[in-house]
Full PDB file with SEQRES, HELIX, SHEET, SSBOND, CRYST1, ORIGX, SCALE, CONECT and MASTER records, all heavy atoms in Angstrom:
SEQRES   1 A   34  GLU ILE GLY ALA GLU HIS GLY PRO PHE ASP ALA THR LEU          
SEQRES   2 A   34  VAL GLN ILE GLY ALA TYR ASN ASN ASN TRP ALA ASP ILE          
SEQRES   3 A   34  HIS MET THR PRO GLU GLU GLY LEU                              
HELIX    1 AA1 ILE A    2  HIS A    6  1                                   5    
HELIX    2 AA2 ASN A   21  TRP A   23  5                                   3    
HELIX    3 AA3 PRO A   30  GLY A   33  1                                   4    
CRYST1    1.000    1.000    1.000  90.00  90.00  90.00 P 1           1          
ORIGX1      1.000000  0.000000  0.000000        0.00000                         
ORIGX2      0.000000  1.000000  0.000000        0.00000                         
ORIGX3      0.000000  0.000000  1.000000        0.00000                         
SCALE1      1.000000  0.000000  0.000000        0.00000                         
SCALE2      0.000000  1.000000  0.000000        0.00000                         
SCALE3      0.000000  0.000000  1.000000        0.00000                         
ATOM      1  N   GLU A   1      19.473 -40.944  40.053  1.00  0.00           N  
ATOM      2  CA  GLU A   1      20.308 -41.833  39.574  1.00  0.00           C  
ATOM      3  C   GLU A   1      21.365 -41.079  38.576  1.00  0.00           C  
ATOM      4  O   GLU A   1      22.510 -41.398  38.502  1.00  0.00           O  
ATOM      5  CB  GLU A   1      19.582 -42.868  38.786  1.00  0.00           C  
ATOM      6  CG  GLU A   1      18.761 -43.910  39.720  1.00  0.00           C  
ATOM      7  CD  GLU A   1      17.765 -44.726  38.841  1.00  0.00           C  
ATOM      8  OE1 GLU A   1      17.970 -44.872  37.578  1.00  0.00           O  
ATOM      9  OE2 GLU A   1      16.896 -45.313  39.249  1.00  0.00           O  
ATOM     10  N   ILE A   2      20.702 -40.181  37.766  1.00  0.00           N  
ATOM     11  CA  ILE A   2      21.576 -39.345  36.994  1.00  0.00           C  
ATOM     12  C   ILE A   2      22.620 -38.570  37.800  1.00  0.00           C  
ATOM     13  O   ILE A   2      23.731 -38.426  37.399  1.00  0.00           O  
ATOM     14  CB  ILE A   2      20.670 -38.491  36.117  1.00  0.00           C  
ATOM     15  CG1 ILE A   2      19.866 -39.286  35.041  1.00  0.00           C  
ATOM     16  CG2 ILE A   2      21.577 -37.394  35.345  1.00  0.00           C  
ATOM     17  CD1 ILE A   2      18.709 -38.550  34.326  1.00  0.00           C  
ATOM     18  N   GLY A   3      22.132 -37.985  38.789  1.00  0.00           N  
ATOM     19  CA  GLY A   3      23.073 -37.210  39.619  1.00  0.00           C  
ATOM     20  C   GLY A   3      24.064 -38.024  40.319  1.00  0.00           C  
ATOM     21  O   GLY A   3      25.374 -37.679  40.207  1.00  0.00           O  
ATOM     22  N   ALA A   4      23.819 -39.262  40.711  1.00  0.00           N  
ATOM     23  CA  ALA A   4      24.802 -40.156  41.226  1.00  0.00           C  
ATOM     24  C   ALA A   4      25.843 -40.646  40.150  1.00  0.00           C  
ATOM     25  O   ALA A   4      27.100 -40.675  40.442  1.00  0.00           O  
ATOM     26  CB  ALA A   4      24.107 -41.280  41.792  1.00  0.00           C  
ATOM     27  N   GLU A   5      25.552 -40.810  38.981  1.00  0.00           N  
ATOM     28  CA  GLU A   5      26.303 -41.297  37.866  1.00  0.00           C  
ATOM     29  C   GLU A   5      27.158 -40.140  37.283  1.00  0.00           C  
ATOM     30  O   GLU A   5      28.198 -40.209  36.948  1.00  0.00           O  
ATOM     31  CB  GLU A   5      25.521 -42.067  36.841  1.00  0.00           C  
ATOM     32  CG  GLU A   5      26.395 -42.790  35.777  1.00  0.00           C  
ATOM     33  CD  GLU A   5      25.602 -43.507  34.807  1.00  0.00           C  
ATOM     34  OE1 GLU A   5      24.322 -43.629  35.055  1.00  0.00           O  
ATOM     35  OE2 GLU A   5      26.320 -44.015  33.847  1.00  0.00           O  
ATOM     36  N   HIS A   6      26.426 -38.981  37.036  1.00  0.00           N  
ATOM     37  CA  HIS A   6      27.089 -37.978  36.156  1.00  0.00           C  
ATOM     38  C   HIS A   6      27.364 -36.646  36.940  1.00  0.00           C  
ATOM     39  O   HIS A   6      28.020 -35.893  36.356  1.00  0.00           O  
ATOM     40  CB  HIS A   6      26.074 -37.487  34.976  1.00  0.00           C  
ATOM     41  CG  HIS A   6      25.923 -38.798  34.090  1.00  0.00           C  
ATOM     42  ND1 HIS A   6      26.883 -39.215  33.132  1.00  0.00           N  
ATOM     43  CD2 HIS A   6      24.814 -39.676  33.901  1.00  0.00           C  
ATOM     44  CE1 HIS A   6      26.362 -40.360  32.417  1.00  0.00           C  
ATOM     45  NE2 HIS A   6      25.197 -40.573  33.040  1.00  0.00           N  
ATOM     46  N   GLY A   7      26.729 -36.388  38.102  1.00  0.00           N  
ATOM     47  CA  GLY A   7      26.915 -35.130  38.796  1.00  0.00           C  
ATOM     48  C   GLY A   7      28.270 -35.086  39.476  1.00  0.00           C  
ATOM     49  O   GLY A   7      29.084 -36.124  39.442  1.00  0.00           O  
ATOM     50  N   PRO A   8      28.488 -33.981  40.244  1.00  0.00           N  
ATOM     51  CA  PRO A   8      27.821 -32.718  40.228  1.00  0.00           C  
ATOM     52  C   PRO A   8      27.766 -32.013  39.069  1.00  0.00           C  
ATOM     53  O   PRO A   8      28.674 -32.138  38.140  1.00  0.00           O  
ATOM     54  CB  PRO A   8      28.309 -32.082  41.429  1.00  0.00           C  
ATOM     55  CG  PRO A   8      29.732 -32.450  41.378  1.00  0.00           C  
ATOM     56  CD  PRO A   8      29.852 -33.951  40.971  1.00  0.00           C  
ATOM     57  N   PHE A   9      26.806 -31.132  38.796  1.00  0.00           N  
ATOM     58  CA  PHE A   9      26.686 -30.290  37.576  1.00  0.00           C  
ATOM     59  C   PHE A   9      26.987 -28.772  37.994  1.00  0.00           C  
ATOM     60  O   PHE A   9      26.444 -28.356  39.081  1.00  0.00           O  
ATOM     61  CB  PHE A   9      25.293 -30.428  36.948  1.00  0.00           C  
ATOM     62  CG  PHE A   9      25.209 -31.831  36.366  1.00  0.00           C  
ATOM     63  CD1 PHE A   9      24.367 -32.605  37.182  1.00  0.00           C  
ATOM     64  CD2 PHE A   9      25.583 -32.119  35.149  1.00  0.00           C  
ATOM     65  CE1 PHE A   9      24.191 -33.935  36.615  1.00  0.00           C  
ATOM     66  CE2 PHE A   9      25.338 -33.341  34.580  1.00  0.00           C  
ATOM     67  CZ  PHE A   9      24.646 -34.206  35.400  1.00  0.00           C  
ATOM     68  N   ASP A  10      27.772 -28.071  37.157  1.00  0.00           N  
ATOM     69  CA  ASP A  10      27.842 -26.612  37.379  1.00  0.00           C  
ATOM     70  C   ASP A  10      26.499 -25.928  37.135  1.00  0.00           C  
ATOM     71  O   ASP A  10      26.297 -24.792  37.798  1.00  0.00           O  
ATOM     72  CB  ASP A  10      28.860 -26.048  36.497  1.00  0.00           C  
ATOM     73  CG  ASP A  10      30.184 -26.661  36.769  1.00  0.00           C  
ATOM     74  OD1 ASP A  10      30.869 -26.342  37.704  1.00  0.00           O  
ATOM     75  OD2 ASP A  10      30.508 -27.646  36.100  1.00  0.00           O  
ATOM     76  N   ALA A  11      25.651 -26.371  36.296  1.00  0.00           N  
ATOM     77  CA  ALA A  11      24.358 -25.650  36.037  1.00  0.00           C  
ATOM     78  C   ALA A  11      23.446 -26.666  35.623  1.00  0.00           C  
ATOM     79  O   ALA A  11      23.761 -27.771  34.938  1.00  0.00           O  
ATOM     80  CB  ALA A  11      24.648 -24.649  34.805  1.00  0.00           C  
ATOM     81  N   THR A  12      22.159 -26.331  35.759  1.00  0.00           N  
ATOM     82  CA  THR A  12      20.991 -27.276  35.149  1.00  0.00           C  
ATOM     83  C   THR A  12      20.001 -26.305  34.478  1.00  0.00           C  
ATOM     84  O   THR A  12      19.794 -25.121  34.689  1.00  0.00           O  
ATOM     85  CB  THR A  12      20.297 -27.985  36.255  1.00  0.00           C  
ATOM     86  OG1 THR A  12      19.559 -26.974  37.127  1.00  0.00           O  
ATOM     87  CG2 THR A  12      21.180 -28.841  37.244  1.00  0.00           C  
ATOM     88  N   LEU A  13      19.681 -26.954  33.285  1.00  0.00           N  
ATOM     89  CA  LEU A  13      18.516 -26.200  32.538  1.00  0.00           C  
ATOM     90  C   LEU A  13      17.321 -27.030  32.744  1.00  0.00           C  
ATOM     91  O   LEU A  13      17.295 -28.298  32.278  1.00  0.00           O  
ATOM     92  CB  LEU A  13      18.934 -26.258  31.028  1.00  0.00           C  
ATOM     93  CG  LEU A  13      20.231 -25.744  30.627  1.00  0.00           C  
ATOM     94  CD1 LEU A  13      20.796 -25.884  29.157  1.00  0.00           C  
ATOM     95  CD2 LEU A  13      20.237 -24.221  30.920  1.00  0.00           C  
ATOM     96  N   VAL A  14      16.341 -26.510  33.485  1.00  0.00           N  
ATOM     97  CA  VAL A  14      15.297 -27.350  33.956  1.00  0.00           C  
ATOM     98  C   VAL A  14      13.955 -26.894  33.346  1.00  0.00           C  
ATOM     99  O   VAL A  14      13.579 -25.696  33.491  1.00  0.00           O  
ATOM    100  CB  VAL A  14      15.222 -27.257  35.606  1.00  0.00           C  
ATOM    101  CG1 VAL A  14      14.004 -28.098  36.109  1.00  0.00           C  
ATOM    102  CG2 VAL A  14      16.538 -27.772  36.123  1.00  0.00           C  
ATOM    103  N   GLN A  15      13.115 -27.708  32.895  1.00  0.00           N  
ATOM    104  CA  GLN A  15      11.840 -27.500  32.458  1.00  0.00           C  
ATOM    105  C   GLN A  15      10.836 -27.115  33.610  1.00  0.00           C  
ATOM    106  O   GLN A  15      10.741 -27.791  34.589  1.00  0.00           O  
ATOM    107  CB  GLN A  15      11.128 -28.684  31.646  1.00  0.00           C  
ATOM    108  CG  GLN A  15       9.718 -28.554  31.310  1.00  0.00           C  
ATOM    109  CD  GLN A  15       8.802 -29.488  32.197  1.00  0.00           C  
ATOM    110  OE1 GLN A  15       9.045 -30.632  32.255  1.00  0.00           O  
ATOM    111  NE2 GLN A  15       7.814 -28.893  32.872  1.00  0.00           N  
ATOM    112  N   ILE A  16      10.212 -25.885  33.526  1.00  0.00           N  
ATOM    113  CA  ILE A  16       9.307 -25.581  34.584  1.00  0.00           C  
ATOM    114  C   ILE A  16       7.946 -25.074  34.098  1.00  0.00           C  
ATOM    115  O   ILE A  16       7.028 -24.722  34.902  1.00  0.00           O  
ATOM    116  CB  ILE A  16       9.935 -24.296  35.393  1.00  0.00           C  
ATOM    117  CG1 ILE A  16      10.132 -23.111  34.573  1.00  0.00           C  
ATOM    118  CG2 ILE A  16      11.239 -24.663  36.062  1.00  0.00           C  
ATOM    119  CD1 ILE A  16      10.185 -21.837  35.392  1.00  0.00           C  
ATOM    120  N   GLY A  17       7.758 -25.035  32.831  1.00  0.00           N  
ATOM    121  CA  GLY A  17       6.408 -24.562  32.271  1.00  0.00           C  
ATOM    122  C   GLY A  17       5.563 -25.577  31.700  1.00  0.00           C  
ATOM    123  O   GLY A  17       6.026 -26.758  31.481  1.00  0.00           O  
ATOM    124  N   ALA A  18       4.285 -25.254  31.375  1.00  0.00           N  
ATOM    125  CA  ALA A  18       3.308 -26.088  30.620  1.00  0.00           C  
ATOM    126  C   ALA A  18       2.941 -27.246  31.507  1.00  0.00           C  
ATOM    127  O   ALA A  18       2.763 -28.494  30.913  1.00  0.00           O  
ATOM    128  CB  ALA A  18       3.966 -26.499  29.270  1.00  0.00           C  
ATOM    129  N   TYR A  19       2.683 -27.103  32.749  1.00  0.00           N  
ATOM    130  CA  TYR A  19       2.310 -28.089  33.666  1.00  0.00           C  
ATOM    131  C   TYR A  19       0.929 -28.002  33.870  1.00  0.00           C  
ATOM    132  O   TYR A  19       0.227 -27.089  33.674  1.00  0.00           O  
ATOM    133  CB  TYR A  19       2.949 -27.970  35.038  1.00  0.00           C  
ATOM    134  CG  TYR A  19       3.155 -26.703  35.588  1.00  0.00           C  
ATOM    135  CD1 TYR A  19       2.068 -26.108  36.371  1.00  0.00           C  
ATOM    136  CD2 TYR A  19       4.218 -25.739  35.369  1.00  0.00           C  
ATOM    137  CE1 TYR A  19       2.085 -24.854  36.780  1.00  0.00           C  
ATOM    138  CE2 TYR A  19       4.194 -24.454  35.777  1.00  0.00           C  
ATOM    139  CZ  TYR A  19       3.095 -24.015  36.541  1.00  0.00           C  
ATOM    140  OH  TYR A  19       3.244 -22.631  37.095  1.00  0.00           O  
ATOM    141  N   ASN A  20       0.238 -29.130  34.352  1.00  0.00           N  
ATOM    142  CA  ASN A  20      -1.161 -29.337  34.595  1.00  0.00           C  
ATOM    143  C   ASN A  20      -1.337 -30.601  35.415  1.00  0.00           C  
ATOM    144  O   ASN A  20      -0.699 -31.663  34.997  1.00  0.00           O  
ATOM    145  CB  ASN A  20      -1.947 -29.282  33.357  1.00  0.00           C  
ATOM    146  CG  ASN A  20      -3.453 -29.248  33.501  1.00  0.00           C  
ATOM    147  OD1 ASN A  20      -4.072 -30.195  33.920  1.00  0.00           O  
ATOM    148  ND2 ASN A  20      -4.159 -28.150  33.316  1.00  0.00           N  
ATOM    149  N   ASN A  21      -2.331 -30.694  36.291  1.00  0.00           N  
ATOM    150  CA  ASN A  21      -2.608 -31.836  36.985  1.00  0.00           C  
ATOM    151  C   ASN A  21      -2.934 -33.111  36.138  1.00  0.00           C  
ATOM    152  O   ASN A  21      -2.679 -34.078  36.479  1.00  0.00           O  
ATOM    153  CB  ASN A  21      -3.704 -31.671  37.940  1.00  0.00           C  
ATOM    154  CG  ASN A  21      -3.390 -30.779  39.272  1.00  0.00           C  
ATOM    155  OD1 ASN A  21      -2.121 -30.534  39.373  1.00  0.00           O  
ATOM    156  ND2 ASN A  21      -4.255 -30.423  40.071  1.00  0.00           N  
ATOM    157  N   ASN A  22      -3.602 -32.688  35.017  1.00  0.00           N  
ATOM    158  CA  ASN A  22      -4.035 -33.766  34.044  1.00  0.00           C  
ATOM    159  C   ASN A  22      -2.894 -34.447  33.225  1.00  0.00           C  
ATOM    160  O   ASN A  22      -3.113 -35.475  32.552  1.00  0.00           O  
ATOM    161  CB  ASN A  22      -5.043 -33.199  33.084  1.00  0.00           C  
ATOM    162  CG  ASN A  22      -6.322 -32.964  33.814  1.00  0.00           C  
ATOM    163  OD1 ASN A  22      -6.744 -33.520  34.895  1.00  0.00           O  
ATOM    164  ND2 ASN A  22      -7.108 -31.849  33.358  1.00  0.00           N  
ATOM    165  N   TRP A  23      -1.705 -33.827  33.208  1.00  0.00           N  
ATOM    166  CA  TRP A  23      -0.567 -34.551  32.688  1.00  0.00           C  
ATOM    167  C   TRP A  23       0.702 -34.359  33.502  1.00  0.00           C  
ATOM    168  O   TRP A  23       1.703 -34.181  33.075  1.00  0.00           O  
ATOM    169  CB  TRP A  23      -0.313 -33.963  31.246  1.00  0.00           C  
ATOM    170  CG  TRP A  23      -0.133 -32.529  31.103  1.00  0.00           C  
ATOM    171  CD1 TRP A  23       0.971 -31.763  31.315  1.00  0.00           C  
ATOM    172  CD2 TRP A  23      -0.938 -31.385  30.576  1.00  0.00           C  
ATOM    173  NE1 TRP A  23       0.855 -30.352  30.953  1.00  0.00           N  
ATOM    174  CE2 TRP A  23      -0.382 -30.260  30.564  1.00  0.00           C  
ATOM    175  CE3 TRP A  23      -2.459 -31.611  30.102  1.00  0.00           C  
ATOM    176  CZ2 TRP A  23      -1.032 -29.147  30.215  1.00  0.00           C  
ATOM    177  CZ3 TRP A  23      -3.085 -30.409  29.799  1.00  0.00           C  
ATOM    178  CH2 TRP A  23      -2.339 -29.215  29.747  1.00  0.00           C  
ATOM    179  N   ALA A  24       0.379 -34.627  34.887  1.00  0.00           N  
ATOM    180  CA  ALA A  24       1.499 -34.451  35.803  1.00  0.00           C  
ATOM    181  C   ALA A  24       2.602 -35.390  35.608  1.00  0.00           C  
ATOM    182  O   ALA A  24       3.682 -35.252  36.130  1.00  0.00           O  
ATOM    183  CB  ALA A  24       0.953 -34.475  37.145  1.00  0.00           C  
ATOM    184  N   ASP A  25       2.449 -36.541  35.001  1.00  0.00           N  
ATOM    185  CA  ASP A  25       3.354 -37.467  34.875  1.00  0.00           C  
ATOM    186  C   ASP A  25       4.559 -37.163  33.823  1.00  0.00           C  
ATOM    187  O   ASP A  25       5.621 -37.700  33.780  1.00  0.00           O  
ATOM    188  CB  ASP A  25       2.852 -38.996  34.461  1.00  0.00           C  
ATOM    189  CG  ASP A  25       2.092 -39.547  35.487  1.00  0.00           C  
ATOM    190  OD1 ASP A  25       2.494 -39.242  36.847  1.00  0.00           O  
ATOM    191  OD2 ASP A  25       1.229 -40.315  35.313  1.00  0.00           O  
ATOM    192  N   ILE A  26       4.088 -36.198  32.893  1.00  0.00           N  
ATOM    193  CA  ILE A  26       5.039 -35.938  31.850  1.00  0.00           C  
ATOM    194  C   ILE A  26       5.558 -34.462  31.767  1.00  0.00           C  
ATOM    195  O   ILE A  26       6.431 -34.218  30.871  1.00  0.00           O  
ATOM    196  CB  ILE A  26       4.516 -36.415  30.455  1.00  0.00           C  
ATOM    197  CG1 ILE A  26       3.069 -35.893  30.250  1.00  0.00           C  
ATOM    198  CG2 ILE A  26       4.408 -37.855  30.331  1.00  0.00           C  
ATOM    199  CD1 ILE A  26       2.963 -34.555  29.579  1.00  0.00           C  
ATOM    200  N   HIS A  27       5.120 -33.708  32.698  1.00  0.00           N  
ATOM    201  CA  HIS A  27       5.641 -32.254  32.748  1.00  0.00           C  
ATOM    202  C   HIS A  27       5.747 -31.994  34.256  1.00  0.00           C  
ATOM    203  O   HIS A  27       4.937 -32.083  35.006  1.00  0.00           O  
ATOM    204  CB  HIS A  27       4.867 -31.176  32.133  1.00  0.00           C  
ATOM    205  CG  HIS A  27       5.117 -30.968  30.666  1.00  0.00           C  
ATOM    206  ND1 HIS A  27       4.720 -30.017  29.883  1.00  0.00           N  
ATOM    207  CD2 HIS A  27       5.868 -31.790  29.739  1.00  0.00           C  
ATOM    208  CE1 HIS A  27       4.983 -30.103  28.664  1.00  0.00           C  
ATOM    209  NE2 HIS A  27       5.830 -31.031  28.580  1.00  0.00           N  
ATOM    210  N   MET A  28       6.854 -31.314  34.627  1.00  0.00           N  
ATOM    211  CA  MET A  28       7.122 -30.919  36.019  1.00  0.00           C  
ATOM    212  C   MET A  28       6.591 -29.569  36.376  1.00  0.00           C  
ATOM    213  O   MET A  28       6.456 -28.642  35.522  1.00  0.00           O  
ATOM    214  CB  MET A  28       8.627 -30.850  36.372  1.00  0.00           C  
ATOM    215  CG  MET A  28       9.236 -32.303  36.372  1.00  0.00           C  
ATOM    216  SD  MET A  28      10.977 -32.182  36.819  1.00  0.00           S  
ATOM    217  CE  MET A  28      11.728 -31.417  35.370  1.00  0.00           C  
ATOM    218  N   THR A  29       6.113 -29.413  37.691  1.00  0.00           N  
ATOM    219  CA  THR A  29       5.731 -28.285  38.173  1.00  0.00           C  
ATOM    220  C   THR A  29       7.166 -27.505  38.573  1.00  0.00           C  
ATOM    221  O   THR A  29       8.203 -28.143  38.532  1.00  0.00           O  
ATOM    222  CB  THR A  29       5.030 -28.219  39.431  1.00  0.00           C  
ATOM    223  OG1 THR A  29       5.869 -28.876  40.534  1.00  0.00           O  
ATOM    224  CG2 THR A  29       3.588 -29.117  39.347  1.00  0.00           C  
ATOM    225  N   PRO A  30       7.120 -26.161  38.799  1.00  0.00           N  
ATOM    226  CA  PRO A  30       8.310 -25.488  39.160  1.00  0.00           C  
ATOM    227  C   PRO A  30       9.049 -26.022  40.462  1.00  0.00           C  
ATOM    228  O   PRO A  30      10.330 -26.180  40.527  1.00  0.00           O  
ATOM    229  CB  PRO A  30       7.902 -24.120  39.327  1.00  0.00           C  
ATOM    230  CG  PRO A  30       6.762 -23.875  38.477  1.00  0.00           C  
ATOM    231  CD  PRO A  30       6.059 -25.155  38.561  1.00  0.00           C  
ATOM    232  N   GLU A  31       8.173 -26.411  41.401  1.00  0.00           N  
ATOM    233  CA  GLU A  31       8.708 -26.994  42.580  1.00  0.00           C  
ATOM    234  C   GLU A  31       9.325 -28.304  42.400  1.00  0.00           C  
ATOM    235  O   GLU A  31      10.452 -28.695  42.953  1.00  0.00           O  
ATOM    236  CB  GLU A  31       7.559 -27.160  43.768  1.00  0.00           C  
ATOM    237  CG  GLU A  31       7.027 -25.826  44.231  1.00  0.00           C  
ATOM    238  CD  GLU A  31       5.965 -25.331  43.254  1.00  0.00           C  
ATOM    239  OE1 GLU A  31       5.617 -25.976  42.232  1.00  0.00           O  
ATOM    240  OE2 GLU A  31       5.514 -24.141  43.489  1.00  0.00           O  
ATOM    241  N   GLU A  32       8.825 -29.116  41.434  1.00  0.00           N  
ATOM    242  CA  GLU A  32       9.417 -30.368  41.068  1.00  0.00           C  
ATOM    243  C   GLU A  32      10.738 -30.116  40.328  1.00  0.00           C  
ATOM    244  O   GLU A  32      11.709 -30.941  40.434  1.00  0.00           O  
ATOM    245  CB  GLU A  32       8.392 -31.308  40.268  1.00  0.00           C  
ATOM    246  CG  GLU A  32       7.400 -31.860  41.148  1.00  0.00           C  
ATOM    247  CD  GLU A  32       6.287 -32.450  40.375  1.00  0.00           C  
ATOM    248  OE1 GLU A  32       5.963 -32.080  39.167  1.00  0.00           O  
ATOM    249  OE2 GLU A  32       5.692 -33.550  40.810  1.00  0.00           O  
ATOM    250  N   GLY A  33      10.766 -29.056  39.508  1.00  0.00           N  
ATOM    251  CA  GLY A  33      12.002 -28.700  38.778  1.00  0.00           C  
ATOM    252  C   GLY A  33      13.013 -28.372  39.779  1.00  0.00           C  
ATOM    253  O   GLY A  33      14.232 -28.784  39.629  1.00  0.00           O  
ATOM    254  N   LEU A  34      12.767 -27.713  40.866  1.00  0.00           N  
ATOM    255  CA  LEU A  34      13.675 -27.424  42.078  1.00  0.00           C  
ATOM    256  C   LEU A  34      14.240 -28.755  42.650  1.00  0.00           C  
ATOM    257  O   LEU A  34      15.428 -28.812  42.771  1.00  0.00           O  
ATOM    258  CB  LEU A  34      13.114 -26.492  42.933  1.00  0.00           C  
ATOM    259  CG  LEU A  34      13.964 -26.274  44.258  1.00  0.00           C  
ATOM    260  CD1 LEU A  34      15.242 -25.366  43.727  1.00  0.00           C  
ATOM    261  CD2 LEU A  34      13.244 -25.489  45.361  1.00  0.00           C  
TER     262      LEU A  34                                                      
MASTER        0    0    0    3    0    0    0    6  261    1    0    3          
END                                                                             
């Protein structure tokens, strides 16, 4: 939805660290960051 309303973007700053299966709802894995 953000992409449809505000994109495209020249660059993204994407959170890729501090992930764990036990808190998967609130931190992304690197693949989800992609």
